[in-house]
């Protein structure tokens, strides 16, 4: 990477550097699908509440600022409930009720009970390439009560609360042994990859580590009885 940076700084065009690399276009497409929208211009509120544009990491950790969690690279570990399968995400161990944050903005495609993930939320990014999966949410009060399927959310919004639901055909059951958020990220290049054997789930362990650099502060809203983002934007209006 250091050598690449040196060549780019010397004025050599990227097309010349990558000429002849057989798999460059493949890896470029794959990495851009994951990370291409993570960095760019984003808006913050400056002094006096005046919007200011900055450049950098514009996505957020799935766990709100001020709440502890632990995780290890558990992608691909075996799971046996229901059938033998692989773990297609990263488990973030924390306390029940910890506010869960929308990593990136998008549309809520799934909201409800799943026998494996318990209460879960599925959000597809605006460009359609990424599907974020947040599972095992809190019993009794899993989501922000204002959230509905089909809603648009913005990066940094509070969408739900950490719990231990799942592993049951009956709704609202705690059958997970340790409270945690299952966080998954699926890449979707065409419709055939949404369901079935062509799904592409990636190891998000290092992505979670990266996102830990940008965590959304939250506050409790007495009017709504929920936790909301505390960066000065209205819930559902920030993270542009």
Protein backbone atom coordinates (compact mmCIF):
# COMPACT_ATOMS: atom_id res chain seq x y z
CA UNK A 1 0.00 0.00 0.00
CA UNK A 2 2.87 2.38 0.78
CA UNK A 3 4.36 1.73 -2.66
CA UNK A 4 0.98 2.28 -4.28
CA UNK A 5 0.57 5.61 -2.48
CA UNK A 6 4.03 6.70 -3.61
CA UNK A 7 3.23 5.93 -7.24
CA UNK A 8 -0.11 7.76 -7.06
CA UNK A 9 1.52 10.80 -5.43
CA UNK A 10 4.14 10.86 -8.17
CA UNK A 11 1.33 11.39 -10.66
CA UNK A 12 1.09 7.89 -12.14
CA UNK A 13 -2.55 7.17 -13.03
CA UNK A 14 -4.33 4.27 -11.33
CA UNK A 15 -5.29 2.80 -14.70
CA UNK A 16 -1.60 2.46 -15.55
CA UNK A 17 -0.73 0.91 -12.18
CA UNK A 18 -3.49 -1.70 -12.40
CA UNK A 19 -3.04 -2.56 -16.07
CA UNK A 20 -2.57 -6.29 -16.49
CA UNK A 21 -3.89 -7.20 -13.04
CA UNK A 22 -6.30 -10.00 -13.93
CA UNK A 23 -8.65 -9.72 -10.94
CA UNK A 24 -8.41 -5.99 -10.25
CA UNK A 25 -11.91 -5.14 -11.56
CA UNK A 26 -13.43 -7.96 -9.51
CA UNK A 27 -11.81 -6.81 -6.27
CA UNK A 28 -12.52 -3.16 -7.03
CA UNK A 29 -16.22 -3.90 -7.43
CA UNK A 30 -16.34 -6.04 -4.28
CA UNK A 31 -14.47 -3.62 -2.03
CA UNK A 32 -16.38 -0.60 -3.35
CA UNK A 33 -19.65 -2.42 -2.68
CA UNK A 34 -18.66 -2.75 0.98
CA UNK A 35 -16.70 0.41 1.68
CA UNK A 36 -17.46 2.83 -1.13
CA UNK A 37 -20.21 4.64 0.78
CA UNK A 38 -18.48 4.53 4.17
CA UNK A 39 -16.31 7.59 3.55
CA UNK A 40 -17.28 10.93 2.06
CA UNK A 41 -18.87 14.25 2.86
CA UNK A 42 -21.23 14.37 5.83
CA UNK A 43 -23.03 17.08 7.72
CA UNK A 44 -22.57 18.13 11.35
CA UNK A 45 -24.08 20.93 13.37
CA UNK A 46 -21.52 23.59 14.24
CA UNK A 47 -21.76 26.55 16.54
CA UNK A 48 -25.25 27.97 16.76
CA UNK A 49 -26.69 24.89 15.12
CA UNK A 50 -25.37 25.87 11.70
CA UNK A 51 -24.77 22.87 9.37
CA UNK A 52 -21.15 22.27 8.35
CA UNK A 53 -19.81 19.84 5.75
CA UNK A 54 -16.90 17.58 6.70
CA UNK A 55 -15.14 14.66 5.05
CA UNK A 56 -14.42 11.30 6.63
CA UNK A 57 -16.15 8.24 8.06
CA UNK A 58 -19.90 8.86 7.70
CA UNK A 59 -21.26 5.57 9.05
CA UNK A 60 -21.66 4.55 12.69
CA UNK A 61 -21.01 1.72 15.09
CA UNK A 62 -24.13 -0.42 15.62
CA UNK A 63 -23.72 0.16 19.38
CA UNK A 64 -24.35 3.63 20.81
CA UNK A 65 -21.57 5.65 22.42
CA UNK A 66 -21.11 5.07 26.15
CA UNK A 67 -22.23 1.42 26.09
CA UNK A 68 -19.66 -1.33 26.47
CA UNK A 69 -19.54 -4.41 24.29
CA UNK A 70 -17.14 -7.20 23.46
CA UNK A 71 -16.70 -9.23 20.29
CA UNK A 72 -14.37 -11.67 18.57
CA UNK A 73 -14.08 -12.88 15.00
CA UNK A 74 -16.77 -15.58 15.13
CA UNK A 75 -17.81 -15.50 11.46
CA UNK A 76 -18.18 -19.01 10.07
CA UNK A 77 -18.48 -20.74 13.45
CA UNK A 78 -20.91 -23.69 13.47
CA UNK A 79 -24.52 -23.30 14.58
CA UNK A 80 -26.93 -26.17 15.14
CA UNK A 81 -30.34 -24.73 16.06
CA UNK A 82 -32.83 -25.72 13.36
CA UNK A 83 -30.14 -27.24 11.14
CA UNK A 84 -26.35 -27.32 10.82
CA UNK A 85 -25.18 -23.99 9.43
CA UNK A 86 -22.50 -21.33 9.71
CA UNK A 87 -22.61 -18.11 11.70
CA UNK A 88 -22.95 -15.32 9.13
CA UNK A 89 -22.25 -12.27 11.24
CA UNK A 90 -20.51 -10.87 14.28
CA UNK A 91 -21.90 -11.16 17.82
CA UNK A 92 -21.46 -8.03 19.95
CA UNK A 93 -21.88 -9.02 23.60
CA UNK A 94 -23.48 -6.33 25.74
CA UNK A 95 -26.20 -5.40 28.21
CA UNK A 96 -29.92 -5.78 27.62
CA UNK A 97 -31.45 -2.47 26.54
CA UNK A 98 -28.29 -1.05 24.94
CA UNK A 99 -29.44 1.28 22.12
CA UNK A 100 -28.72 -0.12 18.66
CA UNK A 101 -27.81 2.29 15.87
CA UNK A 102 -28.39 2.24 12.12
CA UNK A 103 -24.89 1.88 10.67
CA UNK A 104 -25.97 3.36 7.34
CA UNK A 105 -29.14 4.93 6.03
CA UNK A 106 -31.63 2.97 3.97
CA UNK A 107 -35.07 1.40 3.87
CA UNK A 108 -36.44 -0.99 6.51
CA UNK A 109 -37.15 -4.23 4.62
CA UNK A 110 -37.64 -6.61 7.54
CA UNK A 111 -39.13 -5.92 10.94
CA UNK A 112 -40.51 -8.68 13.14
CA UNK A 113 -39.91 -12.16 14.48
CA UNK A 114 -37.61 -14.77 13.00
CA UNK A 115 -37.17 -18.15 14.73
CA UNK A 116 -33.38 -17.86 14.44
CA UNK A 117 -32.78 -14.16 14.98
CA UNK A 118 -35.69 -13.43 17.32
CA UNK A 119 -36.82 -9.82 17.01
CA UNK A 120 -34.77 -8.47 14.13
CA UNK A 121 -34.43 -5.55 11.73
CA UNK A 122 -33.22 -5.69 8.13
CA UNK A 123 -32.20 -2.44 6.42
CA UNK A 124 -31.12 -2.18 2.78
CA UNK A 125 -28.85 0.70 1.80
CA UNK A 126 -30.11 3.37 -0.58
CA UNK A 127 -27.89 2.12 -3.42
CA UNK A 128 -29.27 -1.40 -2.89
CA UNK A 129 -25.86 -3.08 -2.51
CA UNK A 130 -25.82 -3.67 1.26
CA UNK A 131 -28.34 -5.34 3.56
CA UNK A 132 -27.75 -4.82 7.29
CA UNK A 133 -29.15 -7.41 9.69
CA UNK A 134 -29.62 -6.64 13.42
CA UNK A 135 -30.92 -9.62 15.45
CA UNK A 136 -31.72 -10.93 18.97
CA UNK A 137 -33.26 -7.61 20.01
CA UNK A 138 -34.85 -7.01 23.40
CA UNK A 139 -37.89 -8.95 24.60
CA UNK A 140 -41.04 -6.84 24.92
CA UNK A 141 -39.52 -3.66 23.48
CA UNK A 142 -37.17 -4.61 20.64
CA UNK A 143 -37.51 -1.58 18.36
CA UNK A 144 -37.90 2.13 18.36
CA UNK A 145 -41.71 2.25 18.60
CA UNK A 146 -41.92 4.69 15.70
CA UNK A 147 -40.13 2.31 13.33
CA UNK A 148 -42.19 0.48 10.71
CA UNK A 149 -41.46 -1.75 7.75
CA UNK A 150 -40.93 0.45 4.69
CA UNK A 151 -39.60 3.40 6.69
CA UNK A 152 -36.49 5.31 5.69
CA UNK A 153 -33.81 5.65 8.35
CA UNK A 154 -30.58 7.63 8.41
CA UNK A 155 -27.13 6.63 9.58
CA UNK A 156 -26.98 7.23 13.34
CA UNK A 157 -30.67 6.75 14.11
CA UNK A 158 -31.62 4.61 17.12
CA UNK A 159 -33.48 1.63 15.66
CA UNK A 160 -33.73 -0.85 18.55
CA UNK A 161 -32.33 -2.34 21.73
CA UNK A 162 -29.94 -5.20 22.46
CA UNK A 163 -31.47 -8.38 23.86
CA UNK A 164 -31.39 -12.17 23.77
CA UNK A 165 -34.49 -13.24 21.83
CA UNK A 166 -34.60 -16.03 19.27
CA UNK A 167 -34.20 -19.78 18.76
CA UNK A 168 -37.94 -20.29 19.08
CA UNK A 169 -40.96 -20.61 16.80
CA UNK A 170 -42.91 -18.75 19.49
CA UNK A 171 -42.56 -14.97 19.46
CA UNK A 172 -41.00 -12.87 22.20
CA UNK A 173 -38.96 -15.67 23.77
CA UNK A 174 -35.47 -15.38 25.29
CA UNK A 175 -33.67 -18.56 24.22
CA UNK A 176 -30.26 -17.01 23.56
CA UNK A 177 -27.90 -17.72 26.47
CA UNK A 178 -25.93 -14.45 26.45
CA UNK A 179 -27.34 -11.00 25.61
CA UNK A 180 -25.83 -9.76 22.36
CA UNK A 181 -26.46 -8.12 19.03
CA UNK A 182 -26.00 -10.31 15.98
CA UNK A 183 -24.80 -7.90 13.29
CA UNK A 184 -24.61 -9.11 9.70
CA UNK A 185 -23.90 -7.56 6.32
CA UNK A 186 -25.05 -9.07 3.02
CA UNK A 187 -23.90 -7.89 -0.40
CA UNK A 188 -26.53 -7.85 -3.14
CA UNK A 189 -25.38 -7.42 -6.75
CA UNK A 190 -28.58 -8.80 -8.32
CA UNK A 191 -31.99 -10.09 -7.25
CA UNK A 192 -30.89 -13.76 -7.27
CA UNK A 193 -28.64 -13.07 -4.28
CA UNK A 194 -31.38 -11.83 -1.95
CA UNK A 195 -32.54 -15.33 -0.98
CA UNK A 196 -31.35 -18.85 -1.69
CA UNK A 197 -27.91 -20.33 -2.24
CA UNK A 198 -26.40 -17.25 -3.92
CA UNK A 199 -26.37 -15.08 -0.80
CA UNK A 200 -23.10 -13.27 -0.02
CA UNK A 201 -22.53 -12.56 3.69
CA UNK A 202 -19.18 -11.06 4.66
CA UNK A 203 -17.05 -11.20 7.80
CA UNK A 204 -17.76 -7.86 9.52
CA UNK A 205 -15.39 -8.24 12.49
CA UNK A 206 -12.86 -5.70 11.19
CA UNK A 207 -15.67 -3.49 9.91
CA UNK A 208 -17.09 -3.36 13.46
CA UNK A 209 -13.63 -2.37 14.70
CA UNK A 210 -13.50 0.42 12.11
CA UNK A 211 -17.00 1.62 12.99
CA UNK A 212 -15.97 1.81 16.64
CA UNK A 213 -14.19 5.04 15.72
CA UNK A 214 -17.55 6.71 15.11
CA UNK A 215 -20.20 6.03 17.74
CA UNK A 216 -23.45 7.97 18.02
CA UNK A 217 -24.25 9.57 21.40
CA UNK A 218 -27.85 9.03 22.50
CA UNK A 219 -30.31 10.53 24.94
CA UNK A 220 -33.66 9.46 26.29
CA UNK A 221 -36.65 11.27 24.87
CA UNK A 222 -39.34 11.68 27.53
CA UNK A 223 -41.86 12.70 24.88
CA UNK A 224 -41.43 9.53 22.81
CA UNK A 225 -40.29 7.18 25.58
CA UNK A 226 -37.36 6.11 23.42
CA UNK A 227 -33.68 6.75 23.08
CA UNK A 228 -32.81 9.04 20.18
CA UNK A 229 -29.64 10.34 18.57
CA UNK A 230 -28.03 13.18 20.52
CA UNK A 231 -26.02 14.92 17.81
CA UNK A 232 -28.52 17.75 17.41
CA UNK A 233 -30.49 16.25 14.53
CA UNK A 234 -34.05 15.05 14.82
CA UNK A 235 -34.43 11.27 14.80
CA UNK A 236 -34.78 10.26 11.16
CA UNK A 237 -33.42 13.58 9.90
CA UNK A 238 -29.67 13.31 10.47
CA UNK A 239 -26.74 11.28 9.14
CA UNK A 240 -26.90 12.77 5.66
